[in-house]
Structures are given as structure tokens and as C-alpha cells.
Protein backbone atom coordinates (compact mmCIF):
# COMPACT_ATOMS: atom_id res chain seq x y z
CA MET A 1 -44.18 -6.85 -5.19
CA GLU A 2 -41.20 -5.07 -3.72
CA SER A 3 -37.77 -6.26 -4.73
CA GLU A 4 -35.59 -7.72 -2.02
CA THR A 5 -32.17 -6.20 -1.40
CA THR A 6 -29.46 -8.25 0.24
CA ASN A 7 -26.80 -6.39 2.19
CA HIS A 8 -23.53 -8.27 2.51
CA ASN A 9 -21.42 -7.74 5.57
CA PRO A 10 -17.85 -6.66 4.66
CA THR A 11 -16.52 -9.66 6.59
CA ASP A 12 -18.41 -12.13 4.38
CA SER A 13 -16.18 -14.23 2.13
CA PRO A 14 -16.83 -13.30 -1.52
CA ALA A 15 -17.79 -15.99 -3.99
CA ALA A 16 -15.14 -17.42 -6.25
CA GLY A 17 -14.32 -15.09 -9.12
CA SER A 18 -15.40 -11.93 -7.33
CA GLY A 19 -14.01 -9.51 -4.79
CA SER A 20 -10.53 -8.06 -4.44
CA GLY A 21 -7.44 -8.84 -2.44
CA ILE A 22 -3.67 -8.65 -2.14
CA ASP A 23 -1.01 -11.33 -2.29
CA LEU A 24 2.29 -10.56 -0.58
CA TYR A 25 5.33 -12.48 -1.89
CA VAL A 26 8.60 -12.54 0.04
CA THR A 27 11.75 -14.00 -1.51
CA VAL A 28 15.11 -14.19 0.27
CA ARG A 29 18.40 -14.79 -1.56
CA ASP A 30 21.90 -15.31 -0.24
CA LYS A 31 24.88 -13.18 -1.28
CA ASP A 32 25.29 -15.32 -4.42
CA GLY A 33 21.69 -14.78 -5.51
CA VAL A 34 20.50 -18.28 -4.60
CA ILE A 35 16.93 -18.41 -3.26
CA ILE A 36 16.92 -19.69 0.32
CA SER A 37 13.26 -18.99 1.18
CA ASP A 38 10.13 -18.08 -0.74
CA GLN A 39 6.66 -17.50 0.66
CA CYS A 40 3.30 -15.99 -0.19
CA LYS A 41 0.96 -14.34 2.30
CA ASN A 42 -2.63 -14.55 1.08
CA GLY A 43 -5.13 -11.95 2.21
CA ASP A 44 -2.84 -8.99 2.74
CA LEU A 45 -4.82 -5.95 3.89
CA TYR A 46 -5.89 -2.79 2.12
CA LEU A 47 -5.72 -0.24 4.94
CA TYR A 48 -8.37 2.38 5.64
CA ASN A 49 -5.98 5.02 4.27
CA PHE A 50 -6.19 3.38 0.84
CA ALA A 51 -9.98 3.88 0.75
CA VAL A 52 -9.56 7.49 1.90
CA ILE A 53 -7.16 8.29 -0.94
CA ILE A 54 -9.44 6.72 -3.55
CA ALA A 55 -12.49 8.56 -2.20
CA SER A 56 -10.59 11.86 -2.09
CA ILE A 57 -9.42 11.54 -5.69
CA LEU A 58 -12.95 10.78 -6.85
CA LYS A 59 -14.37 13.64 -4.78
CA ASN A 60 -12.01 16.14 -6.36
CA CYS A 61 -13.09 14.92 -9.79
CA MET A 62 -16.72 15.64 -8.91
CA THR A 63 -16.66 18.93 -7.02
CA SER A 64 -14.53 22.06 -6.75
CA SER A 65 -15.73 22.77 -3.22
CA ALA A 66 -14.03 21.62 -0.04
CA VAL A 67 -17.00 19.55 1.11
CA LYS A 68 -16.64 16.25 2.91
CA PRO A 69 -13.00 16.08 4.01
CA TYR A 70 -11.53 12.59 4.27
CA TYR A 71 -8.90 11.91 6.89
CA VAL A 72 -5.78 9.77 6.64
CA MET A 73 -3.61 8.58 9.49
CA ARG A 74 -0.02 9.63 8.89
CA ARG A 75 2.81 7.22 9.64
CA ASP A 76 3.74 9.34 12.66
CA GLY A 77 0.28 8.61 14.08
CA LEU A 78 -1.32 12.02 13.46
CA GLN A 79 -4.63 12.38 11.64
CA MET A 80 -4.68 14.69 8.63
CA ALA A 81 -7.19 15.86 6.03
CA ALA A 82 -6.84 17.41 2.60
CA VAL A 83 -7.27 21.19 2.76
CA GLY A 84 -9.15 22.85 -0.06
CA THR A 85 -9.42 21.35 -3.53
CA THR A 86 -6.73 19.44 -5.36
CA TYR A 87 -6.46 20.91 -8.85
CA ALA A 88 -3.13 19.26 -9.70
CA SER A 89 -0.37 17.42 -7.89
CA TYR A 90 2.40 18.93 -9.99
CA SER A 91 3.99 22.36 -9.86
CA TYR A 92 7.04 23.43 -11.83
CA ASN A 93 9.10 23.83 -8.65
CA CYS A 94 7.34 21.46 -6.25
CA HIS A 95 6.39 17.88 -6.91
CA LYS A 96 6.04 16.38 -3.45
CA TRP A 97 3.75 13.56 -4.53
CA ALA A 98 6.38 12.10 -6.85
CA ASN A 99 9.18 9.80 -5.68
CA GLN A 100 7.51 9.24 -2.30
CA GLY A 101 6.31 5.66 -2.84
CA LYS A 102 8.23 3.08 -0.79
CA ILE A 103 8.01 -0.58 0.12
CA CYS A 104 8.68 -0.76 3.85
CA VAL A 105 9.94 -3.82 5.73
CA GLY A 106 10.18 -4.34 9.45
CA GLY A 107 10.67 -6.77 12.27
CA SER A 108 7.35 -6.80 14.15
CA SER A 109 4.92 -9.73 14.20
CA ARG A 110 2.08 -7.58 15.57
CA PRO A 111 -1.10 -8.65 13.74
CA ALA A 112 -2.24 -6.29 11.01
CA SER A 113 -5.39 -4.15 11.18
CA VAL A 114 -7.06 -1.90 8.60
CA LEU A 115 -6.48 1.00 11.01
CA ASP A 116 -2.69 0.52 11.07
CA SER A 117 -0.74 3.66 10.20
CA ASN A 118 2.83 2.31 10.21
CA LEU A 119 4.94 -0.81 10.60
CA GLY A 120 5.40 -2.12 14.11
CA ILE A 121 9.22 -2.02 13.92
CA PRO A 122 10.35 -0.20 10.74
CA ILE A 123 13.77 -1.35 9.51
CA LEU A 124 14.22 -0.40 5.87
CA GLU A 125 12.48 1.37 2.99
CA ILE A 126 12.84 0.09 -0.57
CA VAL A 127 12.36 2.15 -3.72
CA PRO A 128 10.04 -0.03 -5.84
CA LEU A 129 10.04 -0.59 -9.56
CA ILE A 130 7.32 1.06 -11.66
CA PRO A 131 4.01 -0.77 -11.07
CA GLN A 132 2.96 -3.27 -13.73
CA ILE A 133 -0.61 -3.99 -14.85
CA GLU A 134 -1.77 -7.46 -15.84
CA THR A 135 -5.23 -8.51 -17.04
CA SER A 136 -6.91 -11.87 -17.48
CA GLY A 137 -10.55 -11.76 -18.49
CA ASN A 138 -12.17 -9.31 -16.07
CA THR A 139 -9.37 -9.64 -13.52
CA LEU A 140 -7.14 -6.60 -13.03
CA LYS A 141 -3.83 -6.95 -11.21
CA VAL A 142 -1.35 -4.24 -10.21
CA ILE A 143 2.10 -5.58 -9.30
CA ILE A 144 4.59 -3.61 -7.20
CA THR A 145 8.05 -5.10 -6.61
CA GLY A 146 11.20 -3.98 -4.81
CA THR A 147 14.49 -5.56 -3.70
CA ALA A 148 16.95 -4.55 -1.00
CA VAL A 149 20.41 -5.89 -0.08
CA PHE A 150 21.20 -6.25 3.63
CA PRO A 151 24.85 -5.75 4.68
CA VAL A 152 24.26 -7.57 7.98
CA GLU A 153 22.04 -10.50 8.88
CA SER A 154 18.48 -9.28 9.44
CA VAL A 155 15.19 -10.88 10.47
CA LEU A 156 12.11 -9.43 8.76
CA ALA A 157 8.47 -10.19 9.53
CA GLU A 158 6.30 -7.39 8.11
CA ALA A 159 5.91 -5.32 4.98
CA GLY A 160 3.83 -2.40 3.78
CA LEU A 161 3.37 0.18 1.04
CA SER A 162 3.89 3.84 1.90
CA LEU A 163 3.09 6.88 -0.25
CA THR A 164 2.23 10.53 0.03
CA PRO A 165 -1.45 11.29 -0.69
CA PRO A 166 -1.90 13.21 -3.97
CA TRP A 167 -3.19 16.40 -2.39
CA PHE A 168 0.26 17.41 -1.15
CA GLY A 169 2.41 19.86 -3.09
CA TYR A 170 0.97 23.38 -3.34
CA ASP A 171 -2.37 24.54 -1.99
CA THR A 172 -4.77 26.66 -4.04
CA SER A 173 -3.08 29.86 -2.77
CA GLY A 174 0.32 28.75 -4.04
CA ASN A 175 1.72 27.94 -0.62
CA PRO A 176 3.83 24.78 -0.28
CA THR A 177 2.44 21.99 1.87
CA PRO A 178 4.56 19.34 3.60
CA ALA A 179 4.68 15.77 2.26
CA TYR A 180 3.61 13.29 4.92
CA PRO A 181 3.92 9.57 4.13
CA THR A 182 0.89 7.35 4.63
CA MET A 183 0.69 3.56 4.78
CA ILE A 184 -1.89 2.00 2.43
CA THR A 185 -1.20 -1.66 3.16
CA ARG A 186 0.60 -3.56 5.93
CA ASP A 187 0.80 -7.19 6.88
CA THR A 188 3.03 -9.72 8.58
CA PHE A 189 4.59 -12.87 7.17
CA THR A 190 6.50 -15.83 8.55
CA PRO A 191 9.74 -14.32 9.91
CA ALA A 192 12.52 -14.62 7.33
CA THR A 193 16.25 -14.30 7.96
CA VAL A 194 18.30 -12.50 5.32
CA PRO A 195 21.99 -13.45 5.60
CA ALA A 196 24.72 -10.80 5.47
CA GLY A 197 25.11 -9.67 1.87
CA GLY A 198 21.83 -11.31 0.92
CA SER A 199 18.67 -9.69 -0.38
CA MET A 200 14.93 -9.67 0.11
CA THR A 201 12.43 -9.11 -2.70
CA ILE A 202 8.93 -7.96 -1.78
CA ARG A 203 6.15 -8.23 -4.35
CA PHE A 204 2.62 -6.96 -3.81
CA GLU A 205 -0.08 -8.21 -6.18
CA LEU A 206 -3.18 -6.04 -5.89
CA TRP A 207 -6.13 -7.94 -7.37
CA PHE A 208 -9.41 -6.38 -8.48
CA ASN A 209 -12.57 -8.15 -9.71
CA SER A 210 -11.10 -11.43 -8.51
CA MET A 211 -9.63 -12.94 -5.38
CA PRO A 212 -6.02 -14.18 -5.47
CA PRO A 213 -5.91 -17.99 -5.52
CA ALA A 214 -4.94 -19.63 -2.25
CA THR A 215 -1.41 -20.99 -2.22
């Protein structure tokens, strides 16, 4: 008797305790540090670029040939692939992968899609803190947080994570390559007004092996 294989459509909702997802937390404080709004957006999106970067890293661990290029969509809207093989992201006089990660906030309420390459209306980029890892049973969670102060009143409605893919720096011939930022997650949230002198804290919780609980 042949075994039966069930193929699950990517749009199917995973059972409780399985799957992966992102929670997006947005906290607004006034100039005195008092919280005036706090919200969580469940089901933030991993963008297609995120899958490309993971696949490219794994490919370069498995082969030294330039087979199967994966393409990312740069934030300026141009498509780009890794050229050659990535042997290392660091060079003594060029480290273009480092210090490129940013939390981006903007003012557009355009619905998010996995094929997004940038915010709808970029307003500000925040240098995040070093990512933290938390575990609970089989659940893995990576937390990325950043805070920005706004000198004038601002209305924000979207957030994303931007980084440079790890194949930028020097190519295998020793020639420098430009660092192009790429968005790996973007989503909208209920528009929040930051008063003059106030701040907004963005926190992404990337969950693996478990879905974030609904809030």
C-alpha cells in the first residue's frame, strides 16, 4: 500500500503550536516618557527577500559554484542577484554588510505584500539594538527593537526591517561591490501620532516553531 502524502497550501492556517510568524509592537511615548499608545500587529509578513537571503546563505554553504542565483528586490525597486560565490562577508578594509541593518518607519497605510521592496512613504530609519534570542520549549524567538525621538509631531503607520544581503562587500576577484539595502519585512499598523519631542519604539518578534499568540 502506497503512503499518502498531504500537501499543505502556504495559505493554510497552521495548527496551534506550529508554524512561524512575526509580531510587530509599536509604543509611543510623550516628551516625558509617558506611554500614550501601545499596540501589537499580529501576523506581520516575512517578505520574499527574507527567503531569498536564507536560501542564498544555505546555497553558499553547500556549493562553491555560482549555480542557481537567487534574486532580491532592492529598496529602489531594482532586481539584483548575488554574483559568484560568497566566501566571506568581511574584508579588512571593506565590511559593507555590517552596520546596514535598520528599522524603517513610514506614513503609508498601503496593505503589505510579500513582494514589497520598500515602505510606501519612508520617513525615518532607526538603528536597532543587537537582536536578542529567547527560547521556550521548542519555540525560538528573535527580538529586534529600536527607538527614535521625533522633534516635530509625526503620524506613522508602517514599519519594516532593512538590511544589506550578506553577499555584498568584495567579490571573489577582490573588487568592491556596492551595498544595496533590502527590505525583509514590512507591515502597516493603526496610525499612531508621535507628539513633538516624543518617541516611538518598534519591536519585531520573529517566532519560529510556534505562532505568536493572538492579542
